Amino acid sequence: MNKLFALIAITLATASCMQLEVKPGRVIGDTVDAGKEAYQSIQRSRRGEEERGFSHKTSYDSAISNAANIAGCKEELMEVVSVSDLVVSQVISESSEVLVKDGDKTIYCAMRAVVRPKA
């Protein structure tokens, strides 16, 4: 048990920004998950990588399907990232949705990714 508390203390001391939310009944599991996230964050920073969020919005083309519109939005998002001085080494999560406002549709897509500077 002392090793667990030492691991938690080291994790919290070395992490630059960390939020630990412990739910009743999941104390050990949540603590282990937080430790893993902190470890991955430290490893990424040592390799010169960091986790970032990106988003993009584009107009809806009614001549093609929702799936094609979403794929186009994601392609444009990746182009925006590739033009920057960053390279995506891992995509953590992606999301997309069709937004309707005053009868006009737009596509919104977002991703959370691990990036590193271009060599």
PDB file of N, CA and C in Angstrom:
ATOM      1  N   MET A   1       0.815  -1.186   0.000  1.00  0.00           N
ATOM      2  CA  MET A   1       0.000   0.000   0.000  1.00  0.00           C
ATOM      3  C   MET A   1       0.864   1.257   0.000  1.00  0.00           C
ATOM      4  N   ASN A   2       2.002   1.201   0.710  1.00  0.00           N
ATOM      5  CA  ASN A   2       2.900   2.346   0.739  1.00  0.00           C
ATOM      6  C   ASN A   2       3.446   2.653  -0.645  1.00  0.00           C
ATOM      7  N   LYS A   3       3.684   1.594  -1.436  1.00  0.00           N
ATOM      8  CA  LYS A   3       4.176   1.797  -2.803  1.00  0.00           C
ATOM      9  C   LYS A   3       3.149   2.539  -3.643  1.00  0.00           C
ATOM     10  N   LEU A   4       1.864   2.220  -3.456  1.00  0.00           N
ATOM     11  CA  LEU A   4       0.796   2.891  -4.189  1.00  0.00           C
ATOM     12  C   LEU A   4       0.767   4.375  -3.853  1.00  0.00           C
ATOM     13  N   PHE A   5       0.858   4.697  -2.567  1.00  0.00           N
ATOM     14  CA  PHE A   5       0.845   6.108  -2.176  1.00  0.00           C
ATOM     15  C   PHE A   5       2.099   6.834  -2.659  1.00  0.00           C
ATOM     16  N   ALA A   6       3.236   6.146  -2.669  1.00  0.00           N
ATOM     17  CA  ALA A   6       4.460   6.755  -3.183  1.00  0.00           C
ATOM     18  C   ALA A   6       4.324   7.024  -4.676  1.00  0.00           C
ATOM     19  N   LEU A   7       3.728   6.085  -5.410  1.00  0.00           N
ATOM     20  CA  LEU A   7       3.510   6.267  -6.847  1.00  0.00           C
ATOM     21  C   LEU A   7       2.603   7.454  -7.106  1.00  0.00           C
ATOM     22  N   ILE A   8       1.540   7.562  -6.320  1.00  0.00           N
ATOM     23  CA  ILE A   8       0.613   8.689  -6.479  1.00  0.00           C
ATOM     24  C   ILE A   8       1.319  10.004  -6.180  1.00  0.00           C
ATOM     25  N   ALA A   9       2.097  10.054  -5.124  1.00  0.00           N
ATOM     26  CA  ALA A   9       2.804  11.285  -4.757  1.00  0.00           C
ATOM     27  C   ALA A   9       3.809  11.687  -5.821  1.00  0.00           C
ATOM     28  N   ILE A  10       4.557  10.726  -6.338  1.00  0.00           N
ATOM     29  CA  ILE A  10       5.535  11.023  -7.393  1.00  0.00           C
ATOM     30  C   ILE A  10       4.824  11.492  -8.647  1.00  0.00           C
ATOM     31  N   THR A  11       3.740  10.824  -8.999  1.00  0.00           N
ATOM     32  CA  THR A  11       2.974  11.192 -10.188  1.00  0.00           C
ATOM     33  C   THR A  11       2.469  12.621 -10.089  1.00  0.00           C
ATOM     34  N   LEU A  12       1.890  12.963  -8.951  1.00  0.00           N
ATOM     35  CA  LEU A  12       1.354  14.310  -8.784  1.00  0.00           C
ATOM     36  C   LEU A  12       2.458  15.363  -8.742  1.00  0.00           C
ATOM     37  N   ALA A  13       3.605  15.020  -8.183  1.00  0.00           N
ATOM     38  CA  ALA A  13       4.705  15.982  -8.085  1.00  0.00           C
ATOM     39  C   ALA A  13       5.358  16.240  -9.427  1.00  0.00           C
ATOM     40  N   THR A  14       5.412  15.227 -10.299  1.00  0.00           N
ATOM     41  CA  THR A  14       6.116  15.390 -11.569  1.00  0.00           C
ATOM     42  C   THR A  14       5.211  15.852 -12.704  1.00  0.00           C
ATOM     43  N   ALA A  15       3.929  15.726 -12.572  1.00  0.00           N
ATOM     44  CA  ALA A  15       3.010  16.142 -13.640  1.00  0.00           C
ATOM     45  C   ALA A  15       2.849  17.653 -13.601  1.00  0.00           C
ATOM     46  N   SER A  16       2.928  18.274 -14.781  1.00  0.00           N
ATOM     47  CA  SER A  16       2.829  19.732 -14.818  1.00  0.00           C
ATOM     48  C   SER A  16       1.401  20.208 -14.618  1.00  0.00           C
ATOM     49  N   CYS A  17       0.438  19.496 -15.142  1.00  0.00           N
ATOM     50  CA  CYS A  17      -0.960  19.883 -15.017  1.00  0.00           C
ATOM     51  C   CYS A  17      -1.772  18.601 -15.030  1.00  0.00           C
ATOM     52  N   MET A  18      -2.460  18.341 -13.948  1.00  0.00           N
ATOM     53  CA  MET A  18      -3.167  17.085 -13.849  1.00  0.00           C
ATOM     54  C   MET A  18      -4.414  17.272 -13.020  1.00  0.00           C
ATOM     55  N   GLN A  19      -5.493  16.622 -13.445  1.00  0.00           N
ATOM     56  CA  GLN A  19      -6.727  16.664 -12.699  1.00  0.00           C
ATOM     57  C   GLN A  19      -7.097  15.234 -12.359  1.00  0.00           C
ATOM     58  N   LEU A  20      -7.323  14.969 -11.112  1.00  0.00           N
ATOM     59  CA  LEU A  20      -7.656  13.630 -10.650  1.00  0.00           C
ATOM     60  C   LEU A  20      -9.077  13.650 -10.135  1.00  0.00           C
ATOM     61  N   GLU A  21      -9.957  12.929 -10.819  1.00  0.00           N
ATOM     62  CA  GLU A  21     -11.344  12.825 -10.391  1.00  0.00           C
ATOM     63  C   GLU A  21     -11.582  11.375  -9.998  1.00  0.00           C
ATOM     64  N   VAL A  22     -11.845  11.152  -8.749  1.00  0.00           N
ATOM     65  CA  VAL A  22     -12.037   9.800  -8.232  1.00  0.00           C
ATOM     66  C   VAL A  22     -13.519   9.591  -7.963  1.00  0.00           C
ATOM     67  N   LYS A  23     -14.088   8.555  -8.590  1.00  0.00           N
ATOM     68  CA  LYS A  23     -15.500   8.239  -8.406  1.00  0.00           C
ATOM     69  C   LYS A  23     -15.632   7.164  -7.339  1.00  0.00           C
ATOM     70  N   PRO A  24     -16.688   7.215  -6.564  1.00  0.00           N
ATOM     71  CA  PRO A  24     -16.888   6.185  -5.536  1.00  0.00           C
ATOM     72  C   PRO A  24     -16.891   4.792  -6.176  1.00  0.00           C
ATOM     73  N   GLY A  25     -16.184   3.881  -5.541  1.00  0.00           N
ATOM     74  CA  GLY A  25     -16.132   2.524  -6.055  1.00  0.00           C
ATOM     75  C   GLY A  25     -15.045   2.296  -7.090  1.00  0.00           C
ATOM     76  N   ARG A  26     -14.375   3.359  -7.555  1.00  0.00           N
ATOM     77  CA  ARG A  26     -13.330   3.229  -8.570  1.00  0.00           C
ATOM     78  C   ARG A  26     -12.048   3.906  -8.123  1.00  0.00           C
ATOM     79  N   VAL A  27     -11.799   3.963  -6.838  1.00  0.00           N
ATOM     80  CA  VAL A  27     -10.642   4.680  -6.309  1.00  0.00           C
ATOM     81  C   VAL A  27      -9.347   4.110  -6.875  1.00  0.00           C
ATOM     82  N   ILE A  28      -9.164   2.816  -6.801  1.00  0.00           N
ATOM     83  CA  ILE A  28      -7.920   2.215  -7.268  1.00  0.00           C
ATOM     84  C   ILE A  28      -7.814   2.324  -8.783  1.00  0.00           C
ATOM     85  N   GLY A  29      -8.881   2.004  -9.496  1.00  0.00           N
ATOM     86  CA  GLY A  29      -8.854   2.077 -10.966  1.00  0.00           C
ATOM     87  C   GLY A  29      -8.595   3.486 -11.468  1.00  0.00           C
ATOM     88  N   ASP A  30      -9.260   4.475 -10.869  1.00  0.00           N
ATOM     89  CA  ASP A  30      -9.056   5.865 -11.277  1.00  0.00           C
ATOM     90  C   ASP A  30      -7.640   6.331 -10.959  1.00  0.00           C
ATOM     91  N   THR A  31      -7.098   5.886  -9.834  1.00  0.00           N
ATOM     92  CA  THR A  31      -5.736   6.263  -9.457  1.00  0.00           C
ATOM     93  C   THR A  31      -4.731   5.665 -10.438  1.00  0.00           C
ATOM     94  N   VAL A  32      -4.933   4.419 -10.807  1.00  0.00           N
ATOM     95  CA  VAL A  32      -4.048   3.771 -11.777  1.00  0.00           C
ATOM     96  C   VAL A  32      -4.142   4.472 -13.125  1.00  0.00           C
ATOM     97  N   ASP A  33      -5.363   4.792 -13.565  1.00  0.00           N
ATOM     98  CA  ASP A  33      -5.537   5.503 -14.840  1.00  0.00           C
ATOM     99  C   ASP A  33      -4.840   6.857 -14.818  1.00  0.00           C
ATOM    100  N   ALA A  34      -4.957   7.581 -13.710  1.00  0.00           N
ATOM    101  CA  ALA A  34      -4.295   8.885 -13.593  1.00  0.00           C
ATOM    102  C   ALA A  34      -2.786   8.725 -13.643  1.00  0.00           C
ATOM    103  N   GLY A  35      -2.278   7.700 -12.994  1.00  0.00           N
ATOM    104  CA  GLY A  35      -0.837   7.434 -13.031  1.00  0.00           C
ATOM    105  C   GLY A  35      -0.360   7.123 -14.436  1.00  0.00           C
ATOM    106  N   LYS A  36      -1.145   6.344 -15.183  1.00  0.00           N
ATOM    107  CA  LYS A  36      -0.786   6.020 -16.571  1.00  0.00           C
ATOM    108  C   LYS A  36      -0.762   7.284 -17.430  1.00  0.00           C
ATOM    109  N   GLU A  37      -1.789   8.133 -17.263  1.00  0.00           N
ATOM    110  CA  GLU A  37      -1.842   9.373 -18.040  1.00  0.00           C
ATOM    111  C   GLU A  37      -0.654  10.272 -17.723  1.00  0.00           C
ATOM    112  N   ALA A  38      -0.303  10.365 -16.451  1.00  0.00           N
ATOM    113  CA  ALA A  38       0.842  11.192 -16.063  1.00  0.00           C
ATOM    114  C   ALA A  38       2.134  10.621 -16.641  1.00  0.00           C
ATOM    115  N   TYR A  39       2.287   9.316 -16.593  1.00  0.00           N
ATOM    116  CA  TYR A  39       3.484   8.666 -17.147  1.00  0.00           C
ATOM    117  C   TYR A  39       3.580   8.920 -18.649  1.00  0.00           C
ATOM    118  N   GLN A  40       2.454   8.758 -19.361  1.00  0.00           N
ATOM    119  CA  GLN A  40       2.468   9.015 -20.803  1.00  0.00           C
ATOM    120  C   GLN A  40       2.803  10.470 -21.098  1.00  0.00           C
ATOM    121  N   SER A  41       2.297  11.383 -20.304  1.00  0.00           N
ATOM    122  CA  SER A  41       2.587  12.801 -20.492  1.00  0.00           C
ATOM    123  C   SER A  41       4.071  13.085 -20.307  1.00  0.00           C
ATOM    124  N   ILE A  42       4.675  12.480 -19.292  1.00  0.00           N
ATOM    125  CA  ILE A  42       6.106  12.662 -19.051  1.00  0.00           C
ATOM    126  C   ILE A  42       6.922  12.075 -20.197  1.00  0.00           C
ATOM    127  N   GLN A  43       6.550  10.887 -20.662  1.00  0.00           N
ATOM    128  CA  GLN A  43       7.264  10.248 -21.767  1.00  0.00           C
ATOM    129  C   GLN A  43       7.157  11.095 -23.043  1.00  0.00           C
ATOM    130  N   ARG A  44       5.970  11.639 -23.291  1.00  0.00           N
ATOM    131  CA  ARG A  44       5.790  12.482 -24.479  1.00  0.00           C
ATOM    132  C   ARG A  44       6.671  13.724 -24.401  1.00  0.00           C
ATOM    133  N   SER A  45       6.717  14.350 -23.231  1.00  0.00           N
ATOM    134  CA  SER A  45       7.521  15.566 -23.117  1.00  0.00           C
ATOM    135  C   SER A  45       9.004  15.254 -23.292  1.00  0.00           C
ATOM    136  N   ARG A  46       9.443  14.105 -22.860  1.00  0.00           N
ATOM    137  CA  ARG A  46      10.843  13.717 -23.059  1.00  0.00           C
ATOM    138  C   ARG A  46      11.165  13.507 -24.534  1.00  0.00           C
ATOM    139  N   ARG A  47      10.184  13.054 -25.296  1.00  0.00           N
ATOM    140  CA  ARG A  47      10.388  12.844 -26.742  1.00  0.00           C
ATOM    141  C   ARG A  47      10.103  14.114 -27.548  1.00  0.00           C
ATOM    142  N   GLY A  48       9.756  15.189 -26.870  1.00  0.00           N
ATOM    143  CA  GLY A  48       9.459  16.438 -27.561  1.00  0.00           C
ATOM    144  C   GLY A  48       8.049  16.468 -28.127  1.00  0.00           C
ATOM    145  N   GLU A  49       7.175  15.631 -27.604  1.00  0.00           N
ATOM    146  CA  GLU A  49       5.791  15.573 -28.068  1.00  0.00           C
ATOM    147  C   GLU A  49       4.874  16.192 -27.020  1.00  0.00           C
ATOM    148  N   GLU A  50       3.696  16.569 -27.471  1.00  0.00           N
ATOM    149  CA  GLU A  50       2.687  17.068 -26.546  1.00  0.00           C
ATOM    150  C   GLU A  50       1.304  16.771 -27.100  1.00  0.00           C
ATOM    151  N   GLU A  51       0.328  16.759 -26.219  1.00  0.00           N
ATOM    152  CA  GLU A  51      -1.047  16.511 -26.619  1.00  0.00           C
ATOM    153  C   GLU A  51      -1.716  17.841 -26.912  1.00  0.00           C
ATOM    154  N   ARG A  52      -2.381  17.926 -28.063  1.00  0.00           N
ATOM    155  CA  ARG A  52      -3.074  19.161 -28.451  1.00  0.00           C
ATOM    156  C   ARG A  52      -4.428  18.837 -29.057  1.00  0.00           C
ATOM    157  N   GLY A  53      -5.297  19.821 -28.998  1.00  0.00           N
ATOM    158  CA  GLY A  53      -6.606  19.708 -29.623  1.00  0.00           C
ATOM    159  C   GLY A  53      -6.671  20.598 -30.850  1.00  0.00           C
ATOM    160  N   PHE A  54      -7.324  20.114 -31.891  1.00  0.00           N
ATOM    161  CA  PHE A  54      -7.503  20.862 -33.134  1.00  0.00           C
ATOM    162  C   PHE A  54      -8.969  20.772 -33.542  1.00  0.00           C
ATOM    163  N   SER A  55      -9.478  21.832 -34.161  1.00  0.00           N
ATOM    164  CA  SER A  55     -10.847  21.802 -34.662  1.00  0.00           C
ATOM    165  C   SER A  55     -10.929  22.583 -35.965  1.00  0.00           C
ATOM    166  N   HIS A  56     -11.966  22.275 -36.731  1.00  0.00           N
ATOM    167  CA  HIS A  56     -12.149  22.915 -38.037  1.00  0.00           C
ATOM    168  C   HIS A  56     -13.632  22.929 -38.355  1.00  0.00           C
ATOM    169  N   LYS A  57     -14.070  23.968 -39.033  1.00  0.00           N
ATOM    170  CA  LYS A  57     -15.462  24.092 -39.453  1.00  0.00           C
ATOM    171  C   LYS A  57     -15.478  24.407 -40.943  1.00  0.00           C
ATOM    172  N   THR A  58     -16.341  23.741 -41.680  1.00  0.00           N
ATOM    173  CA  THR A  58     -16.433  23.972 -43.115  1.00  0.00           C
ATOM    174  C   THR A  58     -17.900  23.964 -43.537  1.00  0.00           C
ATOM    175  N   SER A  59     -18.178  24.532 -44.694  1.00  0.00           N
ATOM    176  CA  SER A  59     -19.565  24.582 -45.159  1.00  0.00           C
ATOM    177  C   SER A  59     -20.019  23.208 -45.654  1.00  0.00           C
ATOM    178  N   TYR A  60     -21.299  22.978 -45.575  1.00  0.00           N
ATOM    179  CA  TYR A  60     -21.908  21.705 -45.956  1.00  0.00           C
ATOM    180  C   TYR A  60     -22.199  21.720 -47.453  1.00  0.00           C
ATOM    181  N   ASP A  61     -21.831  20.650 -48.146  1.00  0.00           N
ATOM    182  CA  ASP A  61     -22.118  20.493 -49.571  1.00  0.00           C
ATOM    183  C   ASP A  61     -23.287  19.522 -49.701  1.00  0.00           C
ATOM    184  N   SER A  62     -24.469  20.051 -50.070  1.00  0.00           N
ATOM    185  CA  SER A  62     -25.674  19.219 -50.132  1.00  0.00           C
ATOM    186  C   SER A  62     -25.642  18.211 -51.283  1.00  0.00           C
ATOM    187  N   ALA A  63     -24.681  18.333 -52.190  1.00  0.00           N
ATOM    188  CA  ALA A  63     -24.585  17.398 -53.312  1.00  0.00           C
ATOM    189  C   ALA A  63     -23.944  16.071 -52.913  1.00  0.00           C
ATOM    190  N   ILE A  64     -23.331  16.019 -51.726  1.00  0.00           N
ATOM    191  CA  ILE A  64     -22.693  14.781 -51.274  1.00  0.00           C
ATOM    192  C   ILE A  64     -23.253  14.373 -49.911  1.00  0.00           C
ATOM    193  N   SER A  65     -22.964  13.168 -49.495  1.00  0.00           N
ATOM    194  CA  SER A  65     -23.519  12.616 -48.255  1.00  0.00           C
ATOM    195  C   SER A  65     -22.878  13.242 -47.012  1.00  0.00           C
ATOM    196  N   ASN A  66     -23.515  12.992 -45.862  1.00  0.00           N
ATOM    197  CA  ASN A  66     -22.947  13.450 -44.588  1.00  0.00           C
ATOM    198  C   ASN A  66     -21.562  12.869 -44.377  1.00  0.00           C
ATOM    199  N   ALA A  67     -21.406  11.568 -44.672  1.00  0.00           N
ATOM    200  CA  ALA A  67     -20.107  10.908 -44.473  1.00  0.00           C
ATOM    201  C   ALA A  67     -19.029  11.571 -45.331  1.00  0.00           C
ATOM    202  N   ALA A  68     -19.351  11.901 -46.569  1.00  0.00           N
ATOM    203  CA  ALA A  68     -18.381  12.550 -47.452  1.00  0.00           C
ATOM    204  C   ALA A  68     -18.051  13.958 -46.961  1.00  0.00           C
ATOM    205  N   ASN A  69     -19.058  14.678 -46.456  1.00  0.00           N
ATOM    206  CA  ASN A  69     -18.818  16.011 -45.902  1.00  0.00           C
ATOM    207  C   ASN A  69     -17.905  15.933 -44.682  1.00  0.00           C
ATOM    208  N   ILE A  70     -18.154  14.967 -43.815  1.00  0.00           N
ATOM    209  CA  ILE A  70     -17.327  14.799 -42.618  1.00  0.00           C
ATOM    210  C   ILE A  70     -15.902  14.407 -42.994  1.00  0.00           C
ATOM    211  N   ALA A  71     -15.764  13.500 -43.957  1.00  0.00           N
ATOM    212  CA  ALA A  71     -14.429  13.098 -44.410  1.00  0.00           C
ATOM    213  C   ALA A  71     -13.678  14.294 -44.985  1.00  0.00           C
ATOM    214  N   GLY A  72     -14.379  15.139 -45.738  1.00  0.00           N
ATOM    215  CA  GLY A  72     -13.759  16.341 -46.290  1.00  0.00           C
ATOM    216  C   GLY A  72     -13.305  17.297 -45.210  1.00  0.00           C
ATOM    217  N   CYS A  73     -14.113  17.448 -44.166  1.00  0.00           N
ATOM    218  CA  CYS A  73     -13.743  18.323 -43.054  1.00  0.00           C
ATOM    219  C   CYS A  73     -12.490  17.798 -42.364  1.00  0.00           C
ATOM    220  N   LYS A  74     -12.421  16.484 -42.151  1.00  0.00           N
ATOM    221  CA  LYS A  74     -11.252  15.897 -41.498  1.00  0.00           C
ATOM    222  C   LYS A  74     -10.003  16.042 -42.367  1.00  0.00           C
ATOM    223  N   GLU A  75     -10.147  15.903 -43.680  1.00  0.00           N
ATOM    224  CA  GLU A  75      -9.011  16.101 -44.585  1.00  0.00           C
ATOM    225  C   GLU A  75      -8.499  17.535 -44.494  1.00  0.00           C
ATOM    226  N   GLU A  76      -9.423  18.500 -44.485  1.00  0.00           N
ATOM    227  CA  GLU A  76      -9.024  19.905 -44.371  1.00  0.00           C
ATOM    228  C   GLU A  76      -8.339  20.168 -43.025  1.00  0.00           C
ATOM    229  N   LEU A  77      -8.834  19.537 -41.967  1.00  0.00           N
ATOM    230  CA  LEU A  77      -8.219  19.689 -40.654  1.00  0.00           C
ATOM    231  C   LEU A  77      -6.790  19.164 -40.665  1.00  0.00           C
ATOM    232  N   MET A  78      -6.566  18.015 -41.266  1.00  0.00           N
ATOM    233  CA  MET A  78      -5.217  17.454 -41.347  1.00  0.00           C
ATOM    234  C   MET A  78      -4.306  18.329 -42.213  1.00  0.00           C
ATOM    235  N   GLU A  79      -4.857  18.951 -43.258  1.00  0.00           N
ATOM    236  CA  GLU A  79      -4.063  19.871 -44.085  1.00  0.00           C
ATOM    237  C   GLU A  79      -3.620  21.082 -43.268  1.00  0.00           C
ATOM    238  N   VAL A  80      -4.518  21.602 -42.445  1.00  0.00           N
ATOM    239  CA  VAL A  80      -4.180  22.748 -41.594  1.00  0.00           C
ATOM    240  C   VAL A  80      -3.044  22.375 -40.652  1.00  0.00           C
ATOM    241  N   VAL A  81      -3.117  21.185 -40.067  1.00  0.00           N
ATOM    242  CA  VAL A  81      -2.059  20.740 -39.145  1.00  0.00           C
ATOM    243  C   VAL A  81      -0.752  20.533 -39.902  1.00  0.00           C
ATOM    244  N   SER A  82      -0.816  19.942 -41.100  1.00  0.00           N
ATOM    245  CA  SER A  82       0.415  19.659 -41.852  1.00  0.00           C
ATOM    246  C   SER A  82       1.102  20.932 -42.335  1.00  0.00           C
ATOM    247  N   VAL A  83       0.352  22.013 -42.550  1.00  0.00           N
ATOM    248  CA  VAL A  83       0.945  23.282 -42.961  1.00  0.00           C
ATOM    249  C   VAL A  83       1.702  23.918 -41.796  1.00  0.00           C
ATOM    250  N   SER A  84       1.280  23.616 -40.578  1.00  0.00           N
ATOM    251  CA  SER A  84       1.967  24.169 -39.404  1.00  0.00           C
ATOM    252  C   SER A  84       3.316  23.483 -39.243  1.00  0.00           C
ATOM    253  N   ASP A  85       4.016  23.818 -38.199  1.00  0.00           N
ATOM    254  CA  ASP A  85       5.331  23.221 -37.950  1.00  0.00           C
ATOM    255  C   ASP A  85       5.231  21.955 -37.108  1.00  0.00           C
ATOM    256  N   LEU A  86       4.050  21.295 -37.141  1.00  0.00           N
ATOM    257  CA  LEU A  86       3.814  20.115 -36.320  1.00  0.00           C
ATOM    258  C   LEU A  86       3.526  18.876 -37.163  1.00  0.00           C
ATOM    259  N   VAL A  87       3.853  17.722 -36.599  1.00  0.00           N
ATOM    260  CA  VAL A  87       3.560  16.428 -37.210  1.00  0.00           C
ATOM    261  C   VAL A  87       2.732  15.631 -36.209  1.00  0.00           C
ATOM    262  N   VAL A  88       1.640  15.044 -36.669  1.00  0.00           N
ATOM    263  CA  VAL A  88       0.795  14.225 -35.803  1.00  0.00           C
ATOM    264  C   VAL A  88       1.426  12.842 -35.703  1.00  0.00           C
ATOM    265  N   SER A  89       1.751  12.422 -34.476  1.00  0.00           N
ATOM    266  CA  SER A  89       2.318  11.090 -34.288  1.00  0.00           C
ATOM    267  C   SER A  89       1.278  10.095 -33.789  1.00  0.00           C
ATOM    268  N   GLN A  90       0.190  10.589 -33.200  1.00  0.00           N
ATOM    269  CA  GLN A  90      -0.872   9.700 -32.733  1.00  0.00           C
ATOM    270  C   GLN A  90      -2.162  10.492 -32.598  1.00  0.00           C
ATOM    271  N   VAL A  91      -3.256   9.952 -33.120  1.00  0.00           N
ATOM    272  CA  VAL A  91      -4.574  10.547 -32.932  1.00  0.00           C
ATOM    273  C   VAL A  91      -5.220   9.863 -31.735  1.00  0.00           C
ATOM    274  N   ILE A  92      -5.567  10.648 -30.732  1.00  0.00           N
ATOM    275  CA  ILE A  92      -6.156  10.102 -29.511  1.00  0.00           C
ATOM    276  C   ILE A  92      -7.666   9.960 -29.653  1.00  0.00           C
ATOM    277  N   SER A  93      -8.316  10.994 -30.161  1.00  0.00           N
ATOM    278  CA  SER A  93      -9.760  10.942 -30.359  1.00  0.00           C
ATOM    279  C   SER A  93     -10.168  11.870 -31.496  1.00  0.00           C
ATOM    280  N   GLU A  94     -11.291  11.549 -32.115  1.00  0.00           N
ATOM    281  CA  GLU A  94     -11.843  12.364 -33.195  1.00  0.00           C
ATOM    282  C   GLU A  94     -13.337  12.505 -32.958  1.00  0.00           C
ATOM    283  N   SER A  95     -13.882  13.625 -33.396  1.00  0.00           N
ATOM    284  CA  SER A  95     -15.329  13.812 -33.340  1.00  0.00           C
ATOM    285  C   SER A  95     -15.748  14.704 -34.503  1.00  0.00           C
ATOM    286  N   SER A  96     -16.987  14.562 -34.891  1.00  0.00           N
ATOM    287  CA  SER A  96     -17.516  15.402 -35.963  1.00  0.00           C
ATOM    288  C   SER A  96     -19.030  15.457 -35.841  1.00  0.00           C
ATOM    289  N   GLU A  97     -19.589  16.551 -36.348  1.00  0.00           N
ATOM    290  CA  GLU A  97     -21.037  16.694 -36.323  1.00  0.00           C
ATOM    291  C   GLU A  97     -21.487  17.685 -37.383  1.00  0.00           C
ATOM    292  N   VAL A  98     -22.744  17.532 -37.774  1.00  0.00           N
ATOM    293  CA  VAL A  98     -23.363  18.457 -38.714  1.00  0.00           C
ATOM    294  C   VAL A  98     -24.152  19.460 -37.880  1.00  0.00           C
ATOM    295  N   LEU A  99     -23.802  20.739 -37.998  1.00  0.00           N
ATOM    296  CA  LEU A  99     -24.480  21.800 -37.257  1.00  0.00           C
ATOM    297  C   LEU A  99     -25.488  22.490 -38.154  1.00  0.00           C
ATOM    298  N   VAL A 100     -26.685  22.701 -37.645  1.00  0.00           N
ATOM    299  CA  VAL A 100     -27.734  23.375 -38.411  1.00  0.00           C
ATOM    300  C   VAL A 100     -28.115  24.642 -37.668  1.00  0.00           C
ATOM    301  N   LYS A 101     -27.979  25.786 -38.361  1.00  0.00           N
ATOM    302  CA  LYS A 101     -28.350  27.067 -37.767  1.00  0.00           C
ATOM    303  C   LYS A 101     -29.077  27.892 -38.821  1.00  0.00           C
ATOM    304  N   ASP A 102     -30.300  28.261 -38.529  1.00  0.00           N
ATOM    305  CA  ASP A 102     -31.130  29.039 -39.441  1.00  0.00           C
ATOM    306  C   ASP A 102     -31.236  28.374 -40.810  1.00  0.00           C
ATOM    307  N   GLY A 103     -31.322  27.055 -40.836  1.00  0.00           N
ATOM    308  CA  GLY A 103     -31.466  26.317 -42.088  1.00  0.00           C
ATOM    309  C   GLY A 103     -30.157  26.058 -42.816  1.00  0.00           C
ATOM    310  N   ASP A 104     -29.076  26.694 -42.390  1.00  0.00           N
ATOM    311  CA  ASP A 104     -27.769  26.466 -43.010  1.00  0.00           C
ATOM    312  C   ASP A 104     -27.032  25.370 -42.249  1.00  0.00           C
ATOM    313  N   LYS A 105     -26.360  24.501 -43.007  1.00  0.00           N
ATOM    314  CA  LYS A 105     -25.615  23.407 -42.387  1.00  0.00           C
ATOM    315  C   LYS A 105     -24.121  23.666 -42.520  1.00  0.00           C
ATOM    316  N   THR A 106     -23.401  23.356 -41.460  1.00  0.00           N
ATOM    317  CA  THR A 106     -21.944  23.386 -41.490  1.00  0.00           C
ATOM    318  C   THR A 106     -21.441  22.098 -40.849  1.00  0.00           C
ATOM    319  N   ILE A 107     -20.237  21.739 -41.197  1.00  0.00           N
ATOM    320  CA  ILE A 107     -19.604  20.549 -40.638  1.00  0.00           C
ATOM    321  C   ILE A 107     -18.554  21.011 -39.639  1.00  0.00           C
ATOM    322  N   TYR A 108     -18.572  20.421 -38.458  1.00  0.00           N
ATOM    323  CA  TYR A 108     -17.576  20.703 -37.436  1.00  0.00           C
ATOM    324  C   TYR A 108     -16.853  19.400 -37.131  1.00  0.00           C
ATOM    325  N   CYS A 109     -15.531  19.435 -37.175  1.00  0.00           N
ATOM    326  CA  CYS A 109     -14.755  18.254 -36.798  1.00  0.00           C
ATOM    327  C   CYS A 109     -13.628  18.682 -35.857  1.00  0.00           C
ATOM    328  N   ALA A 110     -13.271  17.766 -34.977  1.00  0.00           N
ATOM    329  CA  ALA A 110     -12.237  18.042 -33.984  1.00  0.00           C
ATOM    330  C   ALA A 110     -11.435  16.778 -33.734  1.00  0.00           C
ATOM    331  N   MET A 111     -10.207  16.971 -33.268  1.00  0.00           N
ATOM    332  CA  MET A 111      -9.388  15.825 -32.897  1.00  0.00           C
ATOM    333  C   MET A 111      -8.450  16.208 -31.775  1.00  0.00           C
ATOM    334  N   ARG A 112      -8.133  15.242 -30.973  1.00  0.00           N
ATOM    335  CA  ARG A 112      -7.135  15.360 -29.918  1.00  0.00           C
ATOM    336  C   ARG A 112      -5.987  14.470 -30.359  1.00  0.00           C
ATOM    337  N   ALA A 113      -4.779  15.020 -30.458  1.00  0.00           N
ATOM    338  CA  ALA A 113      -3.658  14.264 -31.018  1.00  0.00           C
ATOM    339  C   ALA A 113      -2.363  14.563 -30.286  1.00  0.00           C
ATOM    340  N   VAL A 114      -1.434  13.638 -30.427  1.00  0.00           N
ATOM    341  CA  VAL A 114      -0.074  13.829 -29.934  1.00  0.00           C
ATOM    342  C   VAL A 114       0.729  14.367 -31.112  1.00  0.00           C
ATOM    343  N   VAL A 115       1.379  15.511 -30.917  1.00  0.00           N
ATOM    344  CA  VAL A 115       2.135  16.155 -31.994  1.00  0.00           C
ATOM    345  C   VAL A 115       3.573  16.384 -31.560  1.00  0.00           C
ATOM    346  N   ARG A 116       4.426  16.553 -32.553  1.00  0.00           N
ATOM    347  CA  ARG A 116       5.836  16.893 -32.308  1.00  0.00           C
ATOM    348  C   ARG A 116       6.249  17.863 -33.401  1.00  0.00           C
ATOM    349  N   PRO A 117       7.269  18.649 -33.161  1.00  0.00           N
ATOM    350  CA  PRO A 117       7.752  19.581 -34.174  1.00  0.00           C
ATOM    351  C   PRO A 117       8.330  18.825 -35.375  1.00  0.00           C
ATOM    352  N   LYS A 118       8.193  19.437 -36.552  1.00  0.00           N
ATOM    353  CA  LYS A 118       8.810  18.839 -37.749  1.00  0.00           C
ATOM    354  C   LYS A 118      10.313  18.897 -37.593  1.00  0.00           C
ATOM    355  N   ALA A 119      10.958  17.861 -38.102  1.00  0.00           N
ATOM    356  CA  ALA A 119      12.420  17.806 -37.993  1.00  0.00           C
ATOM    357  C   ALA A 119      13.101  18.794 -38.901  1.00  0.00           C
TER     358      ALA A 119
END
